[in-house]
Amino acid sequence: MDIYESQAEQEQHEQAMESLAEELRRKIDEVQEVYERTYIELKSKATVKDYLPLFVARQTRAVLLERSSF
């Protein structure tokens, strides 16, 4: 399933996922799962998509940090 509208958009989100994986010391697969689920959810609700990568990254970070606190 291709969830991104362009190759450039996909690359932008892949960079965000890689940064999160490095920052949080998590496997890219784990980050990607949460990130893409969050992206799909937020994209469906967004009227302005300019800041979507920022909001997706923030929410993904919060979810992954919450998982590690258990």
C-alpha atoms as a PDB file:
ATOM      1  CA  MET A   1       0.000   0.000   0.000  1.00  0.00           C
ATOM      2  CA  ASP A   2       1.421   3.362  -1.032  1.00  0.00           C
ATOM      3  CA  ILE A   3       0.356   5.895   1.571  1.00  0.00           C
ATOM      4  CA  TYR A   4       2.437   8.824   0.344  1.00  0.00           C
ATOM      5  CA  GLU A   5       1.423  11.151  -2.461  1.00  0.00           C
ATOM      6  CA  SER A   6       4.876  11.508  -4.008  1.00  0.00           C
ATOM      7  CA  GLN A   7       8.398  10.157  -3.859  1.00  0.00           C
ATOM      8  CA  ALA A   8       9.569  13.390  -2.235  1.00  0.00           C
ATOM      9  CA  GLU A   9       6.928  13.093   0.487  1.00  0.00           C
ATOM     10  CA  GLN A  10       7.896   9.472   1.102  1.00  0.00           C
ATOM     11  CA  GLU A  11      11.572  10.413   1.435  1.00  0.00           C
ATOM     12  CA  GLN A  12      10.692  13.191   3.884  1.00  0.00           C
ATOM     13  CA  HIS A  13       8.784  10.766   6.096  1.00  0.00           C
ATOM     14  CA  GLU A  14      11.477   8.084   5.821  1.00  0.00           C
ATOM     15  CA  GLN A  15      14.030  10.602   7.087  1.00  0.00           C
ATOM     16  CA  ALA A  16      11.760  11.420  10.020  1.00  0.00           C
ATOM     17  CA  MET A  17      11.398   7.721  10.846  1.00  0.00           C
ATOM     18  CA  GLU A  18      15.156   7.171  10.685  1.00  0.00           C
ATOM     19  CA  SER A  19      15.763  10.148  12.964  1.00  0.00           C
ATOM     20  CA  LEU A  20      13.227   8.880  15.479  1.00  0.00           C
ATOM     21  CA  ALA A  21      14.709   5.381  15.423  1.00  0.00           C
ATOM     22  CA  GLU A  22      18.162   6.792  16.097  1.00  0.00           C
ATOM     23  CA  GLU A  23      16.962   9.251  18.755  1.00  0.00           C
ATOM     24  CA  LEU A  24      14.923   6.662  20.634  1.00  0.00           C
ATOM     25  CA  ARG A  25      17.294   3.758  19.971  1.00  0.00           C
ATOM     26  CA  ARG A  26      14.516   1.680  18.448  1.00  0.00           C
ATOM     27  CA  LYS A  27      14.435  -0.621  15.454  1.00  0.00           C
ATOM     28  CA  ILE A  28      13.275   1.105  12.296  1.00  0.00           C
ATOM     29  CA  ASP A  29      10.524  -1.512  11.841  1.00  0.00           C
ATOM     30  CA  GLU A  30       8.986  -0.599  15.196  1.00  0.00           C
ATOM     31  CA  VAL A  31       9.159   3.118  14.461  1.00  0.00           C
ATOM     32  CA  GLN A  32       7.773   2.638  10.952  1.00  0.00           C
ATOM     33  CA  GLU A  33       4.786   0.655  12.220  1.00  0.00           C
ATOM     34  CA  VAL A  34       3.756   3.348  14.698  1.00  0.00           C
ATOM     35  CA  TYR A  35       4.674   6.241  12.388  1.00  0.00           C
ATOM     36  CA  GLU A  36       2.693   5.000   9.389  1.00  0.00           C
ATOM     37  CA  ARG A  37      -0.350   4.108  11.487  1.00  0.00           C
ATOM     38  CA  THR A  38      -0.239   7.592  13.008  1.00  0.00           C
ATOM     39  CA  TYR A  39       0.317   9.193   9.593  1.00  0.00           C
ATOM     40  CA  ILE A  40      -2.725   7.488   8.088  1.00  0.00           C
ATOM     41  CA  GLU A  41      -4.882   8.526  11.038  1.00  0.00           C
ATOM     42  CA  LEU A  42      -3.768  12.156  11.106  1.00  0.00           C
ATOM     43  CA  LYS A  43      -3.736  12.576   7.324  1.00  0.00           C
ATOM     44  CA  SER A  44      -7.389  11.556   7.107  1.00  0.00           C
ATOM     45  CA  LYS A  45      -8.301  14.351   9.540  1.00  0.00           C
ATOM     46  CA  ALA A  46      -5.928  17.064   8.305  1.00  0.00           C
ATOM     47  CA  THR A  47      -7.198  20.013   6.331  1.00  0.00           C
ATOM     48  CA  VAL A  48      -3.728  21.561   6.066  1.00  0.00           C
ATOM     49  CA  LYS A  49      -0.960  19.026   5.525  1.00  0.00           C
ATOM     50  CA  ASP A  50       2.092  21.320   5.718  1.00  0.00           C
ATOM     51  CA  TYR A  51       2.925  20.391   9.308  1.00  0.00           C
ATOM     52  CA  LEU A  52       1.775  16.789   9.139  1.00  0.00           C
ATOM     53  CA  PRO A  53       5.321  15.325   9.364  1.00  0.00           C
ATOM     54  CA  LEU A  54       5.947  17.320  12.541  1.00  0.00           C
ATOM     55  CA  PHE A  55       2.710  16.218  14.212  1.00  0.00           C
ATOM     56  CA  VAL A  56       3.181  12.598  13.152  1.00  0.00           C
ATOM     57  CA  ALA A  57       6.732  12.555  14.522  1.00  0.00           C
ATOM     58  CA  ARG A  58       5.622  14.068  17.831  1.00  0.00           C
ATOM     59  CA  GLN A  59       2.815  11.585  18.301  1.00  0.00           C
ATOM     60  CA  THR A  60       5.018   8.663  17.246  1.00  0.00           C
ATOM     61  CA  ARG A  61       7.681   9.729  19.737  1.00  0.00           C
ATOM     62  CA  ALA A  62       5.090   9.945  22.512  1.00  0.00           C
ATOM     63  CA  VAL A  63       3.701   6.483  21.755  1.00  0.00           C
ATOM     64  CA  LEU A  64       7.130   4.880  21.652  1.00  0.00           C
ATOM     65  CA  LEU A  65       8.264   6.605  24.854  1.00  0.00           C
ATOM     66  CA  GLU A  66       5.098   5.510  26.587  1.00  0.00           C
ATOM     67  CA  ARG A  67       5.754   1.913  25.521  1.00  0.00           C
ATOM     68  CA  SER A  68       9.222   2.034  27.038  1.00  0.00           C
ATOM     69  CA  SER A  69       7.973   3.280  30.380  1.00  0.00           C
ATOM     70  CA  PHE A  70       6.283  -0.048  31.127  1.00  0.00           C
END
